[in-house]
Amino acid sequence: MKIVYIIFKKEMKDMLRDRRTMFFMVFMPFIAIFLVFNLTMRMGMEMENRAREKVMRVAVISQGPVPEFMNLLEGSGEVEVVGPITDSEVRPSLESGEIDFVVRFTNDFQSIMASEGTGSVDVYFMGSVSENEGALPRVRAIIEGYGESLLQRRLGDRGLASGFARPLSITEKDVSSARARIGESIGGMFPYFIILFCFMGAMYPAIDLAAGEKERGTIETLLISPASRGQIVVAKWLVVTLSGVCTAAASFAWLFLVLRFGSPLPREMVTGVMNIVEPGALLLFLAMLIPLCAFFGALLLSVSIFARTYKEAQSIITPLNFIVLIPLLIGIFPGIRLNWATALIPLLNISLATKEIIAGTINPVHLVEVFSVLLVLAVAGLYFCSRWFRREEVIFRGA
């Protein structure tokens, strides 16, 4: 163990001197998290506010007068009535941006209303304009209000109460706890960022400690030392694993600080999330990352040992970033739950387990299965890496 510690200490010093590694391990998570939460979310909220506050330019096409509907439009304070226009002018007007929405009553609308039938109303808009997509519910609400007034008039003419047309009143009551709802909403995205940074934090030390040493010609010095191949690879693997764990911890810390002090979300919402998500749940999530980082370390170190140069290692490892994302993205989809089968799938099991840990609904049996799978992967990865490092044709490939 003493030799492993000496090599570990030496490799740690080399890693800490590497500015590129330190940047990706400590500062890259902050930059990415800050950009996601402040730029992306702020832009999304700003677009939503613009859609909600926008004064909509609406044109109405009708064969007969619809004064009540026009009064609703003009009295809403949200609409500027434009027109009149013809059917042939609908598309050009929408494409040019002169009009946001066109409400068209069918030609037989008046006769249908006279016979107390169901009339049709078409709403034309450019869905490619995001503000119009967001403002569409406001237009729909005005049209539905017009339909409600027509219904009340019909009921009044027949001397019927308003409840005649509504025999049922449906009230939806969500009995899930606030913690469960938060776990479902953020539980999938939370590990998405942290695990990705785990991989990136382990990637650069792994490349430097094997392919980098090959390129610099310093790996031969280690090989002629009293340390065995197994001791060398274990020391390097520990450094890479520790780098991944530290990056995960740094990512988590930055995420907490950005949410607490720099998030564009309403302060009440942030405070509610902080109060509901228990520290024990977050510590359990970080504990799951340790065997995962061990597996990442063994995998990345094996690839780096195989590569001839630093650049070749980068070109092989870079596509793995996208492979890592696939199970994490699947975990975000609704309806996918942690069970005995999904607990066997690496990365996906962490994403699903995180949802249930935050929600407080995790099954202990499934949690043990997730940890077992991750530990088996870590041990198998270290065993393969150690056997791989003992092969001369791999270490001196292309020499």
Protein backbone atom coordinates (compact mmCIF):
# COMPACT_ATOMS: atom_id res chain seq x y z
CA MET A 1 0.00 0.00 0.00
CA LYS A 2 2.91 2.33 0.64
CA ILE A 3 4.04 2.16 -2.99
CA VAL A 4 0.46 2.76 -4.19
CA TYR A 5 0.25 5.81 -1.90
CA ILE A 6 3.58 7.19 -3.19
CA ILE A 7 2.47 6.86 -6.83
CA PHE A 8 -0.98 8.25 -5.94
CA LYS A 9 0.62 11.28 -4.27
CA LYS A 10 2.90 11.87 -7.24
CA GLU A 11 0.04 11.63 -9.75
CA MET A 12 -2.14 13.94 -7.63
CA LYS A 13 0.56 16.59 -7.62
CA ASP A 14 0.87 16.34 -11.40
CA MET A 15 -2.89 16.62 -11.80
CA LEU A 16 -3.20 19.63 -9.51
CA ARG A 17 -0.48 21.41 -11.50
CA ASP A 18 -2.43 20.89 -14.74
CA ARG A 19 -4.55 24.01 -15.24
CA ARG A 20 -6.69 22.39 -17.91
CA THR A 21 -7.67 19.53 -15.60
CA MET A 22 -8.44 21.90 -12.73
CA PHE A 23 -10.55 24.06 -15.03
CA PHE A 24 -12.71 21.15 -16.14
CA MET A 25 -12.88 19.72 -12.63
CA VAL A 26 -13.83 22.89 -10.72
CA PHE A 27 -14.77 25.82 -12.93
CA MET A 28 -16.42 24.20 -15.96
CA PRO A 29 -19.37 22.91 -13.86
CA PHE A 30 -19.95 26.42 -12.51
CA ILE A 31 -19.90 27.99 -15.98
CA ALA A 32 -22.26 25.37 -17.45
CA ILE A 33 -24.69 25.41 -14.50
CA PHE A 34 -24.68 29.20 -14.36
CA LEU A 35 -25.39 29.46 -18.09
CA VAL A 36 -28.18 26.87 -17.98
CA PHE A 37 -29.95 28.32 -14.97
CA ASN A 38 -29.43 31.99 -15.68
CA LEU A 39 -29.39 32.36 -19.44
CA THR A 40 -31.62 29.50 -20.59
CA MET A 41 -34.17 29.79 -17.80
CA ARG A 42 -34.13 33.58 -17.84
CA MET A 43 -34.67 33.64 -21.61
CA GLY A 44 -37.48 31.09 -21.31
CA MET A 45 -39.21 33.09 -18.58
CA GLU A 46 -38.75 36.31 -20.54
CA MET A 47 -40.33 34.76 -23.65
CA GLU A 48 -43.21 33.47 -21.53
CA ASN A 49 -43.76 36.93 -20.05
CA ARG A 50 -43.67 38.51 -23.50
CA ALA A 51 -46.28 36.04 -24.74
CA ARG A 52 -48.45 36.77 -21.69
CA GLU A 53 -48.16 40.57 -21.94
CA LYS A 54 -48.21 40.91 -25.71
CA VAL A 55 -51.05 42.91 -27.24
CA MET A 56 -52.35 40.53 -29.89
CA ARG A 57 -53.37 41.79 -33.32
CA VAL A 58 -56.48 39.81 -34.25
CA ALA A 59 -58.55 39.91 -37.42
CA VAL A 60 -62.08 38.52 -37.56
CA ILE A 61 -63.70 37.02 -40.66
CA SER A 62 -67.47 36.48 -40.47
CA GLN A 63 -70.34 36.45 -42.98
CA GLY A 64 -72.65 38.01 -40.43
CA PRO A 65 -72.25 40.36 -37.48
CA VAL A 66 -70.88 38.96 -34.21
CA PRO A 67 -71.07 42.08 -32.02
CA GLU A 68 -70.88 40.24 -28.72
CA PHE A 69 -67.64 38.52 -29.73
CA MET A 70 -66.17 41.81 -30.99
CA ASN A 71 -67.03 43.44 -27.65
CA LEU A 72 -65.25 40.64 -25.82
CA LEU A 73 -62.15 41.14 -27.97
CA GLU A 74 -62.04 44.90 -27.56
CA GLY A 75 -62.93 44.81 -23.89
CA SER A 76 -60.22 42.31 -22.95
CA GLY A 77 -57.47 44.92 -23.08
CA GLU A 78 -55.21 42.28 -24.63
CA VAL A 79 -56.31 42.56 -28.26
CA GLU A 80 -56.01 45.06 -31.06
CA VAL A 81 -58.70 44.30 -33.63
CA VAL A 82 -57.31 44.55 -37.17
CA GLY A 83 -59.14 44.34 -40.44
CA PRO A 84 -61.40 43.48 -41.99
CA ILE A 85 -59.54 41.07 -44.26
CA THR A 86 -60.55 38.44 -46.80
CA ASP A 87 -59.79 34.71 -46.86
CA SER A 88 -57.09 35.21 -49.49
CA GLU A 89 -55.26 37.68 -47.21
CA VAL A 90 -55.01 35.36 -44.20
CA ARG A 91 -51.72 33.62 -44.97
CA PRO A 92 -49.86 36.69 -46.34
CA SER A 93 -50.93 38.79 -43.36
CA LEU A 94 -49.81 36.15 -40.86
CA GLU A 95 -46.51 35.50 -42.63
CA SER A 96 -45.67 39.20 -42.81
CA GLY A 97 -46.38 39.66 -39.10
CA GLU A 98 -49.05 42.32 -39.66
CA ILE A 99 -51.55 40.07 -37.85
CA ASP A 100 -50.94 37.55 -35.07
CA PHE A 101 -54.25 35.65 -35.17
CA VAL A 102 -57.20 35.34 -37.51
CA VAL A 103 -60.51 34.16 -36.06
CA ARG A 104 -62.78 32.88 -38.83
CA PHE A 105 -66.43 32.00 -38.31
CA THR A 106 -67.67 29.53 -40.93
CA ASN A 107 -70.09 30.78 -43.60
CA ASP A 108 -73.03 28.88 -42.06
CA PHE A 109 -72.29 30.06 -38.50
CA GLN A 110 -75.28 32.43 -38.29
CA SER A 111 -77.77 29.83 -39.51
CA ILE A 112 -76.37 27.22 -37.15
CA MET A 113 -76.72 29.62 -34.22
CA ALA A 114 -80.33 30.36 -35.25
CA SER A 115 -81.11 26.63 -35.20
CA GLU A 116 -79.24 26.25 -31.87
CA GLY A 117 -76.58 23.97 -33.36
CA THR A 118 -72.85 23.85 -32.82
CA GLY A 119 -70.92 26.35 -34.90
CA SER A 120 -67.30 26.10 -35.97
CA VAL A 121 -64.60 28.71 -35.38
CA ASP A 122 -61.17 28.46 -36.99
CA VAL A 123 -58.13 30.18 -35.48
CA TYR A 124 -55.21 30.80 -37.84
CA PHE A 125 -51.73 31.68 -36.56
CA MET A 126 -48.03 31.13 -37.24
CA GLY A 127 -46.97 28.37 -34.83
CA SER A 128 -43.34 28.93 -35.77
CA VAL A 129 -43.48 32.23 -33.86
CA SER A 130 -42.95 31.23 -30.23
CA GLU A 131 -44.75 34.28 -28.84
CA ASN A 132 -47.90 33.37 -30.78
CA GLU A 133 -47.71 29.81 -29.48
CA GLY A 134 -47.65 31.19 -25.95
CA ALA A 135 -50.43 33.71 -26.58
CA LEU A 136 -52.79 31.18 -28.20
CA PRO A 137 -54.46 30.16 -24.89
CA ARG A 138 -55.48 33.80 -24.36
CA VAL A 139 -57.26 33.89 -27.72
CA ARG A 140 -58.85 30.52 -27.00
CA ALA A 141 -60.10 31.81 -23.64
CA ILE A 142 -61.88 34.74 -25.33
CA ILE A 143 -63.55 32.42 -27.87
CA GLU A 144 -64.59 30.03 -25.10
CA GLY A 145 -66.01 32.99 -23.18
CA TYR A 146 -68.08 33.88 -26.26
CA GLY A 147 -69.32 30.29 -26.45
CA GLU A 148 -70.28 30.45 -22.76
CA SER A 149 -72.31 33.61 -23.33
CA LEU A 150 -74.14 31.96 -26.25
CA LEU A 151 -74.94 28.98 -24.03
CA GLN A 152 -76.28 31.18 -21.23
CA ARG A 153 -78.50 33.02 -23.70
CA ARG A 154 -79.97 29.75 -24.98
CA LEU A 155 -80.62 28.50 -21.47
CA GLY A 156 -82.22 31.82 -20.52
CA ASP A 157 -84.51 31.73 -23.58
CA ARG A 158 -85.77 28.32 -22.47
CA GLY A 159 -86.01 29.26 -18.82
CA LEU A 160 -83.39 26.73 -17.76
CA ALA A 161 -80.83 27.14 -14.99
CA SER A 162 -77.14 27.35 -15.90
CA GLY A 163 -76.56 23.99 -14.17
CA PHE A 164 -78.83 22.25 -16.72
CA ALA A 165 -75.96 22.06 -19.23
CA ARG A 166 -73.44 21.02 -16.57
CA PRO A 167 -74.70 18.01 -14.65
CA LEU A 168 -71.19 17.25 -13.39
CA SER A 169 -68.53 19.36 -11.72
CA ILE A 170 -65.11 17.72 -11.78
CA THR A 171 -62.47 18.76 -9.26
CA GLU A 172 -58.98 17.32 -9.66
CA LYS A 173 -57.15 16.77 -6.38
CA ASP A 174 -53.50 15.75 -6.50
CA VAL A 175 -52.80 13.79 -3.31
CA SER A 176 -49.07 13.45 -3.97
CA SER A 177 -46.84 15.41 -1.63
CA ALA A 178 -44.92 18.49 -2.68
CA ARG A 179 -41.72 16.49 -2.22
CA ALA A 180 -42.96 13.79 -4.60
CA ARG A 181 -43.88 16.37 -7.24
CA ILE A 182 -40.46 18.03 -6.97
CA GLY A 183 -38.75 14.64 -7.19
CA GLU A 184 -40.62 13.86 -10.40
CA SER A 185 -39.90 17.26 -11.97
CA ILE A 186 -36.24 17.85 -11.07
CA GLY A 187 -35.14 14.32 -10.17
CA GLY A 188 -34.39 13.47 -13.80
CA MET A 189 -32.51 16.66 -14.66
CA PHE A 190 -30.47 16.75 -11.44
CA PRO A 191 -28.32 13.64 -12.15
CA TYR A 192 -28.13 14.61 -15.84
CA PHE A 193 -25.80 17.51 -15.07
CA ILE A 194 -23.89 15.96 -12.18
CA ILE A 195 -23.08 12.65 -13.90
CA LEU A 196 -22.02 14.41 -17.09
CA PHE A 197 -19.57 16.51 -15.09
CA CYS A 198 -18.38 13.36 -13.28
CA PHE A 199 -17.43 11.91 -16.64
CA MET A 200 -15.74 15.10 -17.81
CA GLY A 201 -13.90 15.51 -14.50
CA ALA A 202 -12.45 12.01 -14.79
CA MET A 203 -11.75 12.25 -18.51
CA TYR A 204 -8.83 14.69 -18.60
CA PRO A 205 -6.85 13.17 -15.71
CA ALA A 206 -7.31 9.71 -17.27
CA ILE A 207 -6.01 10.91 -20.62
CA ASP A 208 -3.06 12.69 -19.06
CA LEU A 209 -2.03 9.88 -16.68
CA ALA A 210 -1.69 7.27 -19.44
CA ALA A 211 -1.69 8.63 -22.99
CA GLY A 212 -0.09 11.87 -21.79
CA GLU A 213 2.72 10.01 -20.06
CA LYS A 214 3.25 7.88 -23.18
CA GLU A 215 3.58 11.04 -25.25
CA ARG A 216 5.98 12.64 -22.76
CA GLY A 217 7.99 9.42 -22.47
CA THR A 218 7.69 9.28 -18.67
CA ILE A 219 5.67 6.08 -18.37
CA GLU A 220 8.82 3.98 -18.83
CA THR A 221 10.23 5.50 -15.63
CA LEU A 222 7.29 4.15 -13.67
CA LEU A 223 7.53 0.73 -15.32
CA ILE A 224 11.16 0.23 -14.22
CA SER A 225 10.39 1.30 -10.65
CA PRO A 226 9.93 -1.30 -7.86
CA ALA A 227 6.15 -0.85 -8.15
CA SER A 228 4.23 -3.65 -9.85
CA ARG A 229 1.91 -3.05 -12.80
CA GLY A 230 -1.08 -3.62 -10.54
CA GLN A 231 0.11 -1.03 -8.00
CA ILE A 232 0.72 1.54 -10.74
CA VAL A 233 -2.70 1.11 -12.30
CA VAL A 234 -4.48 1.17 -8.91
CA ALA A 235 -2.75 4.43 -7.97
CA LYS A 236 -3.65 6.05 -11.29
CA TRP A 237 -7.20 4.71 -11.07
CA LEU A 238 -7.61 6.19 -7.59
CA VAL A 239 -6.52 9.60 -8.86
CA VAL A 240 -8.97 9.49 -11.78
CA THR A 241 -11.80 8.26 -9.55
CA LEU A 242 -11.11 10.95 -6.95
CA SER A 243 -11.13 13.57 -9.70
CA GLY A 244 -14.58 12.42 -10.83
CA VAL A 245 -15.91 12.45 -7.26
CA CYS A 246 -14.47 15.92 -6.62
CA THR A 247 -16.04 17.20 -9.83
CA ALA A 248 -19.39 15.77 -8.77
CA ALA A 249 -19.08 17.45 -5.38
CA ALA A 250 -18.06 20.74 -7.01
CA SER A 251 -20.99 20.50 -9.44
CA PHE A 252 -23.39 19.87 -6.60
CA ALA A 253 -21.97 22.81 -4.62
CA TRP A 254 -22.20 25.16 -7.62
CA LEU A 255 -25.76 23.99 -8.33
CA PHE A 256 -26.75 24.71 -4.74
CA LEU A 257 -25.14 28.17 -4.78
CA VAL A 258 -26.64 29.13 -8.14
CA LEU A 259 -30.10 28.01 -7.03
CA ARG A 260 -29.76 29.72 -3.66
CA PHE A 261 -28.32 33.04 -4.76
CA GLY A 262 -28.34 33.40 -8.56
CA SER A 263 -31.43 31.63 -9.85
CA PRO A 264 -34.03 33.57 -11.87
CA LEU A 265 -36.75 31.44 -10.26
CA PRO A 266 -39.01 33.13 -7.72
CA ARG A 267 -37.45 33.19 -4.26
CA GLU A 268 -40.45 31.43 -2.69
CA MET A 269 -40.08 28.51 -5.14
CA VAL A 270 -36.35 28.15 -4.47
CA THR A 271 -36.90 28.28 -0.72
CA GLY A 272 -39.62 25.64 -1.01
CA VAL A 273 -37.33 23.31 -2.96
CA MET A 274 -34.50 23.79 -0.45
CA ASN A 275 -36.79 23.04 2.47
CA ILE A 276 -38.31 19.91 0.91
CA VAL A 277 -35.19 18.22 -0.50
CA GLU A 278 -33.53 16.55 2.48
CA PRO A 279 -29.73 16.55 2.95
CA GLY A 280 -29.85 12.77 3.52
CA ALA A 281 -31.33 12.25 0.05
CA LEU A 282 -28.58 14.30 -1.56
CA LEU A 283 -25.87 12.46 0.38
CA LEU A 284 -27.36 9.16 -0.78
CA PHE A 285 -27.18 10.38 -4.37
CA LEU A 286 -23.53 11.40 -3.94
CA ALA A 287 -22.82 7.96 -2.43
CA MET A 288 -24.16 6.35 -5.63
CA LEU A 289 -21.73 8.42 -7.64
CA ILE A 290 -18.63 6.97 -5.95
CA PRO A 291 -18.84 3.49 -7.56
CA LEU A 292 -19.96 5.14 -10.80
CA CYS A 293 -16.85 7.37 -10.80
CA ALA A 294 -14.77 4.27 -10.08
CA PHE A 295 -16.23 2.62 -13.19
CA PHE A 296 -15.72 5.77 -15.27
CA GLY A 297 -12.12 5.93 -14.02
CA ALA A 298 -11.39 2.33 -15.03
CA LEU A 299 -13.08 2.73 -18.43
CA LEU A 300 -11.36 6.00 -19.31
CA LEU A 301 -7.99 4.84 -18.03
CA SER A 302 -8.24 1.67 -20.15
CA VAL A 303 -8.91 3.73 -23.28
CA SER A 304 -6.07 6.10 -22.40
CA ILE A 305 -3.67 3.19 -21.90
CA PHE A 306 -4.61 1.87 -25.33
CA ALA A 307 -4.13 5.23 -27.12
CA ARG A 308 -0.76 6.17 -28.55
CA THR A 309 -1.06 9.91 -27.94
CA TYR A 310 -3.08 12.43 -25.96
CA LYS A 311 -4.93 13.49 -29.13
CA GLU A 312 -5.83 9.90 -30.04
CA ALA A 313 -7.21 9.31 -26.54
CA GLN A 314 -9.36 12.43 -26.86
CA SER A 315 -10.72 11.32 -30.23
CA ILE A 316 -11.70 7.90 -28.80
CA ILE A 317 -13.18 9.18 -25.55
CA THR A 318 -15.13 12.17 -26.91
CA PRO A 319 -17.90 10.02 -28.51
CA LEU A 320 -18.39 8.33 -25.13
CA ASN A 321 -19.81 11.63 -23.85
CA PHE A 322 -22.83 11.14 -26.10
CA ILE A 323 -23.22 7.47 -25.15
CA VAL A 324 -23.33 8.48 -21.49
CA LEU A 325 -26.16 10.91 -22.22
CA ILE A 326 -28.52 8.31 -23.76
CA PRO A 327 -29.63 6.48 -20.57
CA LEU A 328 -29.74 9.81 -18.69
CA LEU A 329 -32.09 11.28 -21.29
CA ILE A 330 -34.30 8.18 -21.12
CA GLY A 331 -34.58 8.70 -17.37
CA ILE A 332 -36.10 12.15 -17.91
CA PHE A 333 -39.08 10.77 -19.85
CA PRO A 334 -42.28 10.43 -17.79
CA GLY A 335 -43.67 7.00 -17.06
CA ILE A 336 -40.31 5.23 -16.73
CA ARG A 337 -39.98 3.87 -13.18
CA LEU A 338 -37.30 2.16 -11.16
CA ASN A 339 -37.95 -1.58 -10.98
CA TRP A 340 -35.87 -4.75 -10.90
CA ALA A 341 -35.20 -4.47 -14.66
CA THR A 342 -34.35 -0.76 -14.96
CA ALA A 343 -32.18 -1.00 -11.82
CA LEU A 344 -29.82 -3.22 -13.87
CA ILE A 345 -29.18 -0.53 -16.52
CA PRO A 346 -26.19 1.67 -15.59
CA LEU A 347 -26.79 5.44 -15.46
CA LEU A 348 -30.51 4.98 -16.08
CA ASN A 349 -30.76 3.34 -12.67
CA ILE A 350 -29.10 6.37 -11.03
CA SER A 351 -31.43 8.78 -12.81
CA LEU A 352 -34.54 6.85 -11.78
CA ALA A 353 -33.27 6.20 -8.26
CA THR A 354 -32.57 9.91 -7.80
CA LYS A 355 -36.18 10.74 -8.66
CA GLU A 356 -37.46 8.35 -6.02
CA ILE A 357 -34.87 9.31 -3.41
CA ILE A 358 -35.82 12.99 -3.66
CA ALA A 359 -39.51 12.07 -3.69
CA GLY A 360 -39.02 9.85 -0.64
CA THR A 361 -40.56 6.80 -2.35
CA ILE A 362 -37.44 4.71 -3.00
CA ASN A 363 -37.80 0.96 -2.52
CA PRO A 364 -34.84 -0.26 -0.38
CA VAL A 365 -34.61 -3.46 -2.44
CA HIS A 366 -34.23 -1.48 -5.67
CA LEU A 367 -31.70 0.83 -4.01
CA VAL A 368 -29.57 -2.14 -2.94
CA GLU A 369 -29.81 -3.50 -6.50
CA VAL A 370 -28.62 -0.17 -7.93
CA PHE A 371 -25.63 -0.05 -5.56
CA SER A 372 -24.81 -3.69 -6.33
CA VAL A 373 -24.83 -3.08 -10.09
CA LEU A 374 -22.60 -0.02 -9.71
CA LEU A 375 -20.14 -1.85 -7.43
CA VAL A 376 -19.94 -4.82 -9.82
CA LEU A 377 -19.23 -2.42 -12.69
CA ALA A 378 -16.52 -0.66 -10.67
CA VAL A 379 -14.78 -3.91 -9.70
CA ALA A 380 -15.08 -5.33 -13.23
CA GLY A 381 -13.73 -2.11 -14.72
CA LEU A 382 -10.73 -2.04 -12.38
CA TYR A 383 -9.99 -5.74 -13.07
CA PHE A 384 -10.09 -5.18 -16.84
CA CYS A 385 -7.96 -2.05 -16.58
CA SER A 386 -5.35 -3.89 -14.49
CA ARG A 387 -5.20 -6.81 -16.96
CA TRP A 388 -5.07 -4.35 -19.86
CA PHE A 389 -2.13 -2.49 -18.30
CA ARG A 390 -0.11 -5.72 -17.99
CA ARG A 391 -0.09 -6.26 -21.76
CA GLU A 392 3.12 -5.01 -23.34
CA GLU A 393 1.56 -4.76 -26.82
CA VAL A 394 -1.00 -2.33 -25.42
CA ILE A 395 1.34 -0.10 -23.41
CA PHE A 396 3.93 0.12 -26.20
CA ARG A 397 1.46 0.04 -29.08
CA GLY A 398 3.00 1.78 -32.07
CA ALA A 399 6.31 2.37 -30.28
